[in-house]
Amino acid sequence: MQRPHRGKIGSLTAGAALGLLALALGCSATPPPSWQQGGAPLALTDARWDRGDDDLIELRADGQVLEDGDVIFVLDVAGRVVDDDHDPVAILLPDGFVAGTDDRLLGRVGVSNASPPGGATAWLALMPDGSVVHYDGDGDPHSGGRWQGCDGPARRTCTLVTHLVRVRQLQRQPRTRVGIGIGIGF
């Protein structure tokens, strides 16, 4: 994956991510493909992502991912992701695609970068020193804090967690709609 080109990650991608995550987190959903067999192997270890002004993200060796001390999802060594009620949410497939429930694509995750749902270029990268870089809709880089404990085989796990947290953040952002009206304020 390469750095996003200007304008490649815009409101359409954000909207797609919101819709896909909402569907993936919905109730009575069909588990992701290959759920029983599992997906890409993940190394689970204790690690932490200091995000500056945002809440701390912790990855525990038992697969729990916590935000400010609260479980937001749980990973297993077979690439499966469940919510805090242990319902299927997503799976990291061996080819790097992240599949959600009801056969929804939630993006793609490599060892140290990830692309959003419907995107072909990276929207985040995990640098060798643990620094997280987010790319905005214009392709400009922005600091996203720093991971500690994500060396070696755990790097892809931390990249997956970073990706899932970013998709989750998109889902929580207020959406604005453009309407067509007559005059101002009508």
Protein backbone atom coordinates (compact mmCIF):
# COMPACT_ATOMS: atom_id res chain seq x y z
CA MET A 1 0.00 0.00 0.00
CA GLN A 2 1.15 3.49 -0.66
CA ARG A 3 0.52 6.92 0.80
CA PRO A 4 -2.89 8.27 -0.18
CA HIS A 5 -3.12 10.70 -3.04
CA ARG A 6 -4.86 13.99 -2.45
CA GLY A 7 -8.60 13.58 -2.45
CA LYS A 8 -8.59 9.77 -2.40
CA ILE A 9 -9.96 9.42 1.13
CA GLY A 10 -12.93 11.70 1.37
CA SER A 11 -16.41 11.78 2.72
CA LEU A 12 -17.51 8.85 0.56
CA THR A 13 -14.95 6.58 2.17
CA ALA A 14 -15.82 7.91 5.63
CA GLY A 15 -19.50 7.36 4.91
CA ALA A 16 -18.83 3.86 3.63
CA ALA A 17 -16.79 3.07 6.73
CA LEU A 18 -19.58 4.31 8.98
CA GLY A 19 -22.18 2.26 7.23
CA LEU A 20 -20.04 -0.86 7.12
CA LEU A 21 -19.08 -0.66 10.77
CA ALA A 22 -22.68 -0.02 11.80
CA LEU A 23 -23.73 -3.09 9.85
CA ALA A 24 -20.82 -5.12 11.22
CA LEU A 25 -21.73 -4.19 14.78
CA GLY A 26 -25.46 -4.75 14.33
CA CYS A 27 -27.36 -7.55 16.01
CA SER A 28 -28.40 -10.82 14.36
CA ALA A 29 -25.59 -10.56 11.87
CA THR A 30 -23.99 -13.41 9.97
CA PRO A 31 -20.42 -14.02 11.22
CA PRO A 32 -17.59 -13.02 8.89
CA PRO A 33 -16.38 -15.56 6.30
CA SER A 34 -13.97 -18.22 7.58
CA TRP A 35 -15.08 -17.51 11.15
CA GLN A 36 -14.88 -21.16 12.25
CA GLN A 37 -11.47 -21.81 10.65
CA GLY A 38 -10.01 -18.47 11.66
CA GLY A 39 -8.01 -16.03 9.60
CA ALA A 40 -4.51 -14.59 9.70
CA PRO A 41 -2.42 -15.48 12.76
CA LEU A 42 -1.95 -12.70 15.29
CA ALA A 43 0.63 -12.38 18.05
CA LEU A 44 -1.02 -11.27 21.28
CA THR A 45 1.12 -9.37 23.75
CA ASP A 46 0.87 -6.57 26.27
CA ALA A 47 1.16 -3.25 24.43
CA ARG A 48 -0.13 0.28 24.84
CA TRP A 49 -0.98 3.10 22.48
CA ASP A 50 -0.55 6.55 23.99
CA ARG A 51 -2.76 8.77 21.84
CA GLY A 52 -1.98 12.11 23.47
CA ASP A 53 -5.25 13.90 24.16
CA ASP A 54 -7.31 10.79 23.36
CA ASP A 55 -7.82 7.89 25.77
CA LEU A 56 -5.10 5.27 26.16
CA ILE A 57 -5.58 2.05 24.19
CA GLU A 58 -4.23 -1.13 25.79
CA LEU A 59 -3.73 -4.49 24.13
CA ARG A 60 -3.48 -7.35 26.59
CA ALA A 61 -1.86 -10.73 26.07
CA ASP A 62 -5.31 -12.35 26.51
CA GLY A 63 -6.54 -10.40 23.44
CA GLN A 64 -8.59 -7.79 25.26
CA VAL A 65 -8.38 -4.29 23.80
CA LEU A 66 -9.25 -1.57 26.28
CA GLU A 67 -9.92 2.12 25.86
CA ASP A 68 -9.46 4.04 29.10
CA GLY A 69 -9.82 0.74 30.99
CA ASP A 70 -13.02 -0.45 29.27
CA VAL A 71 -13.05 -3.45 26.89
CA ILE A 72 -13.96 -2.30 23.39
CA PHE A 73 -13.24 -5.58 21.59
CA VAL A 74 -11.29 -8.82 21.96
CA LEU A 75 -8.88 -10.46 19.49
CA ASP A 76 -7.74 -14.06 19.26
CA VAL A 77 -4.64 -15.64 17.74
CA ALA A 78 -6.67 -16.71 14.67
CA GLY A 79 -7.45 -13.13 13.63
CA ARG A 80 -11.02 -13.07 14.95
CA VAL A 81 -12.48 -9.95 16.60
CA VAL A 82 -15.46 -10.02 18.95
CA ASP A 83 -17.21 -7.23 20.83
CA ASP A 84 -17.41 -6.97 24.60
CA ASP A 85 -20.40 -9.39 24.53
CA HIS A 86 -18.26 -11.87 22.53
CA ASP A 87 -20.37 -11.49 19.39
CA PRO A 88 -18.43 -11.68 16.09
CA VAL A 89 -17.41 -8.32 14.64
CA ALA A 90 -14.62 -8.96 12.13
CA ILE A 91 -11.84 -11.26 11.04
CA LEU A 92 -8.42 -10.50 9.56
CA LEU A 93 -8.12 -12.82 6.58
CA PRO A 94 -4.75 -14.22 5.45
CA ASP A 95 -4.71 -11.89 2.41
CA GLY A 96 -4.98 -8.84 4.70
CA PHE A 97 -8.62 -8.02 4.08
CA VAL A 98 -10.69 -7.32 7.18
CA ALA A 99 -14.11 -8.90 6.75
CA GLY A 100 -17.02 -7.87 8.91
CA THR A 101 -20.33 -9.51 9.58
CA ASP A 102 -22.76 -10.05 6.71
CA ASP A 103 -19.81 -10.22 4.26
CA ARG A 104 -18.93 -6.53 4.66
CA LEU A 105 -15.41 -5.43 3.79
CA LEU A 106 -13.86 -3.27 6.54
CA GLY A 107 -10.60 -2.41 4.80
CA ARG A 108 -7.21 -4.03 4.51
CA VAL A 109 -4.39 -4.40 7.04
CA GLY A 110 -0.74 -5.10 6.31
CA VAL A 111 2.11 -5.49 8.77
CA SER A 112 2.51 -1.76 9.32
CA ASN A 113 -0.20 0.04 7.34
CA ALA A 114 -3.91 -0.17 6.63
CA SER A 115 -6.39 1.12 4.08
CA PRO A 116 -10.01 2.06 4.79
CA PRO A 117 -13.14 0.31 3.56
CA GLY A 118 -13.34 0.97 -0.15
CA GLY A 119 -9.89 2.60 -0.23
CA ALA A 120 -6.81 1.46 -2.10
CA THR A 121 -4.21 3.59 -0.32
CA ALA A 122 -3.05 3.69 3.28
CA TRP A 123 -4.95 5.83 5.77
CA LEU A 124 -2.63 4.93 8.62
CA ALA A 125 0.86 3.61 9.20
CA LEU A 126 2.72 2.22 12.20
CA MET A 127 6.33 3.37 11.98
CA PRO A 128 9.32 1.27 13.19
CA ASP A 129 9.61 3.39 16.36
CA GLY A 130 5.93 2.77 17.24
CA SER A 131 4.70 6.16 16.02
CA VAL A 132 1.25 6.13 14.44
CA VAL A 133 0.69 8.30 11.37
CA HIS A 134 -2.84 9.02 10.15
CA TYR A 135 -3.38 10.38 6.64
CA ASP A 136 -6.24 12.83 6.14
CA GLY A 137 -8.48 13.09 3.08
CA ASP A 138 -5.84 15.18 1.29
CA GLY A 139 -3.09 12.63 2.02
CA ASP A 140 -1.37 14.83 4.59
CA PRO A 141 0.22 12.98 7.54
CA HIS A 142 -0.84 13.64 11.14
CA SER A 143 0.58 12.25 14.36
CA GLY A 144 -1.57 9.63 16.03
CA GLY A 145 0.50 8.94 19.13
CA ARG A 146 2.87 6.06 19.78
CA TRP A 147 2.60 2.34 20.47
CA GLN A 148 4.89 0.62 22.96
CA GLY A 149 5.35 -3.16 22.85
CA CYS A 150 4.51 -3.66 19.17
CA ASP A 151 7.81 -5.01 17.94
CA GLY A 152 8.30 -8.11 15.81
CA PRO A 153 5.26 -10.32 15.23
CA ALA A 154 3.01 -8.07 17.34
CA ARG A 155 3.33 -5.22 14.82
CA ARG A 156 0.50 -6.48 12.60
CA THR A 157 -1.73 -6.97 15.64
CA CYS A 158 -1.13 -3.36 16.70
CA THR A 159 -1.79 -2.19 13.14
CA LEU A 160 -5.09 -4.09 13.15
CA VAL A 161 -6.07 -2.56 16.50
CA THR A 162 -5.18 0.92 15.21
CA HIS A 163 -7.28 0.32 12.09
CA LEU A 164 -10.29 -0.96 14.04
CA VAL A 165 -10.13 1.95 16.47
CA ARG A 166 -10.06 4.38 13.55
CA VAL A 167 -13.05 2.71 11.90
CA ARG A 168 -14.81 2.87 15.27
CA GLN A 169 -14.03 6.59 15.54
CA LEU A 170 -15.52 7.19 12.10
CA GLN A 171 -18.66 5.40 13.21
CA ARG A 172 -18.99 7.76 16.18
CA GLN A 173 -18.46 11.01 14.23
CA PRO A 174 -21.57 13.08 13.67
CA ARG A 175 -22.64 13.05 10.08
CA THR A 176 -23.80 16.15 8.30
CA ARG A 177 -26.19 16.01 5.44
CA VAL A 178 -26.44 18.43 2.58
CA GLY A 179 -30.01 19.30 1.84
CA ILE A 180 -31.72 21.10 -0.95
CA GLY A 181 -34.02 23.86 0.15
CA ILE A 182 -35.48 27.16 -0.83
CA GLY A 183 -33.88 30.28 0.55
CA ILE A 184 -31.73 30.43 3.63
CA GLY A 185 -32.65 28.25 6.58
CA PHE A 186 -35.71 26.59 5.05
